[in-house]
C-alpha atoms as a PDB file:
ATOM      1  CA  MET A   1      17.834   1.368  17.629  1.00  0.00           C
ATOM      2  CA  SER A   2      14.395   0.925  16.092  1.00  0.00           C
ATOM      3  CA  GLU A   3      13.443  -1.727  13.585  1.00  0.00           C
ATOM      4  CA  GLN A   4      13.008  -0.715   9.959  1.00  0.00           C
ATOM      5  CA  PRO A   5       9.328  -0.473   8.918  1.00  0.00           C
ATOM      6  CA  THR A   6       8.020  -3.199   6.631  1.00  0.00           C
ATOM      7  CA  ALA A   7       5.935  -3.077   3.482  1.00  0.00           C
ATOM      8  CA  LEU A   8       4.193  -5.286   0.972  1.00  0.00           C
ATOM      9  CA  GLY A   9       4.198  -4.656  -2.731  1.00  0.00           C
ATOM     10  CA  TYR A  10       0.880  -5.074  -4.503  1.00  0.00           C
ATOM     11  CA  ARG A  11       0.011  -5.169  -8.169  1.00  0.00           C
ATOM     12  CA  ARG A  12      -2.547  -6.582 -10.551  1.00  0.00           C
ATOM     13  CA  SER A  13      -1.047  -8.828 -13.194  1.00  0.00           C
ATOM     14  CA  ASP A  14      -3.705  -7.918 -15.758  1.00  0.00           C
ATOM     15  CA  ILE A  15      -2.812  -4.233 -15.386  1.00  0.00           C
ATOM     16  CA  SER A  16       0.966  -4.706 -15.224  1.00  0.00           C
ATOM     17  CA  GLY A  17       1.085  -6.839 -18.343  1.00  0.00           C
ATOM     18  CA  ASP A  18       4.580  -6.977 -19.817  1.00  0.00           C
ATOM     19  CA  HIS A  19       5.761  -4.152 -17.537  1.00  0.00           C
ATOM     20  CA  TRP A  20       5.623  -6.221 -14.359  1.00  0.00           C
ATOM     21  CA  ARG A  21       9.419  -6.410 -13.921  1.00  0.00           C
ATOM     22  CA  TRP A  22       9.733  -2.638 -14.239  1.00  0.00           C
ATOM     23  CA  GLU A  23       6.908  -2.100 -11.745  1.00  0.00           C
ATOM     24  CA  GLU A  24       8.490  -4.542  -9.277  1.00  0.00           C
ATOM     25  CA  GLN A  25      11.825  -2.731  -9.557  1.00  0.00           C
ATOM     26  CA  ARG A  26      10.205   0.672  -9.011  1.00  0.00           C
ATOM     27  CA  MET A  27       8.318  -0.594  -5.928  1.00  0.00           C
ATOM     28  CA  ARG A  28      11.546  -2.054  -4.473  1.00  0.00           C
ATOM     29  CA  SER A  29      13.441   1.150  -5.210  1.00  0.00           C
ATOM     30  CA  LEU A  30      10.791   3.387  -3.613  1.00  0.00           C
ATOM     31  CA  ALA A  31      10.565   1.127  -0.559  1.00  0.00           C
ATOM     32  CA  LYS A  32      14.320   1.335  -0.077  1.00  0.00           C
ATOM     33  CA  ARG A  33      14.394   5.113  -0.586  1.00  0.00           C
ATOM     34  CA  LEU A  34      11.617   5.595   1.986  1.00  0.00           C
ATOM     35  CA  GLY A  35      13.283   3.269   4.515  1.00  0.00           C
ATOM     36  CA  TYR A  36      10.994   0.237   4.243  1.00  0.00           C
ATOM     37  CA  THR A  37      11.936  -3.415   4.044  1.00  0.00           C
ATOM     38  CA  LEU A  38       9.822  -4.832   1.205  1.00  0.00           C
ATOM     39  CA  LEU A  39       8.869  -8.310   2.412  1.00  0.00           C
ATOM     40  CA  LYS A  40       7.122  -9.609  -0.698  1.00  0.00           C
ATOM     41  CA  THR A  41       4.782  -8.600  -3.498  1.00  0.00           C
ATOM     42  CA  VAL A  42       1.186  -9.779  -3.595  1.00  0.00           C
ATOM     43  CA  VAL A  43      -0.050 -10.283  -7.154  1.00  0.00           C
ATOM     44  CA  PHE A  44      -3.719 -10.695  -8.022  1.00  0.00           C
ATOM     45  CA  SER A  45      -5.578 -10.548 -11.323  1.00  0.00           C
ATOM     46  CA  ASP A  46      -8.978  -9.413 -12.497  1.00  0.00           C
ATOM     47  CA  LYS A  47     -10.107 -12.985 -11.737  1.00  0.00           C
ATOM     48  CA  THR A  48      -9.245 -12.715  -8.022  1.00  0.00           C
ATOM     49  CA  ASP A  49     -12.275 -12.725  -5.761  1.00  0.00           C
ATOM     50  CA  ARG A  50     -12.356  -9.871  -3.166  1.00  0.00           C
ATOM     51  CA  PRO A  51      -8.792  -8.646  -3.820  1.00  0.00           C
ATOM     52  CA  VAL A  52      -8.944  -5.726  -1.353  1.00  0.00           C
ATOM     53  CA  GLU A  53     -10.175  -7.965   1.450  1.00  0.00           C
ATOM     54  CA  ARG A  54      -7.503 -10.550   0.665  1.00  0.00           C
ATOM     55  CA  LEU A  55      -4.760  -7.911   0.517  1.00  0.00           C
ATOM     56  CA  GLY A  56      -5.948  -6.567   3.860  1.00  0.00           C
ATOM     57  CA  ASN A  57      -5.740 -10.051   5.359  1.00  0.00           C
ATOM     58  CA  VAL A  58      -2.145 -10.473   4.163  1.00  0.00           C
ATOM     59  CA  ALA A  59      -1.201  -7.021   5.486  1.00  0.00           C
ATOM     60  CA  ARG A  60      -2.760  -7.793   8.881  1.00  0.00           C
ATOM     61  CA  ASN A  61      -1.189 -11.247   9.123  1.00  0.00           C
ATOM     62  CA  LEU A  62       2.282  -9.943   8.295  1.00  0.00           C
ATOM     63  CA  LYS A  63       1.780  -6.792  10.401  1.00  0.00           C
ATOM     64  CA  VAL A  64       3.269  -4.544   7.736  1.00  0.00           C
ATOM     65  CA  ASP A  65       3.351  -0.775   7.999  1.00  0.00           C
ATOM     66  CA  ALA A  66       2.598  -0.022   4.350  1.00  0.00           C
ATOM     67  CA  VAL A  67       1.522  -1.352   0.979  1.00  0.00           C
ATOM     68  CA  ILE A  68       3.404  -0.037  -2.041  1.00  0.00           C
ATOM     69  CA  VAL A  69       1.561  -0.145  -5.350  1.00  0.00           C
ATOM     70  CA  PRO A  70       2.639   0.988  -8.848  1.00  0.00           C
ATOM     71  CA  GLY A  71      -0.355   3.322  -9.092  1.00  0.00           C
ATOM     72  CA  PRO A  72      -4.015   3.735  -8.204  1.00  0.00           C
ATOM     73  CA  GLN A  73      -5.061   1.902 -11.375  1.00  0.00           C
ATOM     74  CA  HIS A  74      -4.160  -1.333  -9.590  1.00  0.00           C
ATOM     75  CA  PHE A  75      -7.233  -0.874  -7.391  1.00  0.00           C
ATOM     76  CA  GLU A  76     -10.811  -1.153  -8.638  1.00  0.00           C
ATOM     77  CA  GLY A  77     -12.110   2.251  -9.681  1.00  0.00           C
ATOM     78  CA  HIS A  78      -8.534   3.609  -9.723  1.00  0.00           C
ATOM     79  CA  GLY A  79      -8.932   4.965  -6.190  1.00  0.00           C
ATOM     80  CA  MET A  80      -7.574   4.132  -2.779  1.00  0.00           C
ATOM     81  CA  PRO A  81      -9.841   1.640  -1.021  1.00  0.00           C
ATOM     82  CA  ALA A  82     -10.696   2.863   2.469  1.00  0.00           C
ATOM     83  CA  ASP A  83     -10.595  -0.743   3.720  1.00  0.00           C
ATOM     84  CA  ILE A  84      -6.835  -0.895   3.040  1.00  0.00           C
ATOM     85  CA  VAL A  85      -6.008   2.644   4.177  1.00  0.00           C
ATOM     86  CA  GLN A  86      -7.620   1.865   7.544  1.00  0.00           C
ATOM     87  CA  ILE A  87      -5.106  -0.971   8.015  1.00  0.00           C
ATOM     88  CA  VAL A  88      -1.844   0.361   6.532  1.00  0.00           C
ATOM     89  CA  ASP A  89      -0.408   3.342   4.734  1.00  0.00           C
ATOM     90  CA  VAL A  90      -0.714   2.999   0.964  1.00  0.00           C
ATOM     91  CA  ILE A  91       2.113   4.411  -1.118  1.00  0.00           C
ATOM     92  CA  THR A  92       1.835   4.800  -4.885  1.00  0.00           C
ATOM     93  CA  VAL A  93       4.883   4.897  -7.131  1.00  0.00           C
ATOM     94  CA  ASP A  94       3.302   6.914  -9.942  1.00  0.00           C
ATOM     95  CA  PRO A  95       2.202   9.440  -8.944  1.00  0.00           C
ATOM     96  CA  GLU A  96       4.321   9.242  -5.818  1.00  0.00           C
ATOM     97  CA  SER A  97       1.800   9.725  -3.017  1.00  0.00           C
ATOM     98  CA  THR A  98       1.122   8.417   0.456  1.00  0.00           C
ATOM     99  CA  TYR A  99      -2.357   7.708   1.771  1.00  0.00           C
ATOM    100  CA  ALA A 100      -1.808   7.583   5.520  1.00  0.00           C
ATOM    101  CA  ARG A 101      -4.004   5.425   7.720  1.00  0.00           C
ATOM    102  CA  ASP A 102      -3.852   8.027  10.489  1.00  0.00           C
ATOM    103  CA  ALA A 103      -5.125  10.837   8.269  1.00  0.00           C
ATOM    104  CA  ALA A 104      -8.839  10.348   8.899  1.00  0.00           C
ATOM    105  CA  GLY A 105      -9.702  13.988   8.186  1.00  0.00           C
ATOM    106  CA  VAL A 106     -10.184  14.720  11.890  1.00  0.00           C
ATOM    107  CA  LEU A 107      -7.589  16.626  13.881  1.00  0.00           C
ATOM    108  CA  PRO A 108      -6.372  14.829  16.975  1.00  0.00           C
ATOM    109  CA  GLU A 109      -7.323  15.932  20.432  1.00  0.00           C
ATOM    110  CA  LEU A 110      -4.610  18.100  22.013  1.00  0.00           C
ATOM    111  CA  ASN A 111      -4.512  18.459  25.798  1.00  0.00           C
ATOM    112  CA  GLY A 112      -8.193  17.579  26.049  1.00  0.00           C
ATOM    113  CA  ALA A 113      -9.333  20.165  23.483  1.00  0.00           C
ATOM    114  CA  LEU A 114     -10.314  19.494  19.878  1.00  0.00           C
ATOM    115  CA  ARG A 115      -8.663  21.748  17.347  1.00  0.00           C
END
């Protein structure tokens, strides 16, 4: 029997505002529905220095499979940072999307031939 995959929650407190409890609940619910064990939620603010780098360090140290975030607005520029997607899958709650670390835009080699 294989171990259940693990995930971190991530949100920015300055973006969550008064809705932080709702966002936390939605991240936990999505993690459970997708089969992840949500270990903890990392919370930074607009005052946090190098938040993507720091989140990446936590993800690496805990060896999680994914980061679940309320939405892309919790990242600078409202987009998925490549630095995180190279380390773990990033799953957004709203809109519900997965940015897979293995989807580099290049098809894998099959039997020695590129497709």
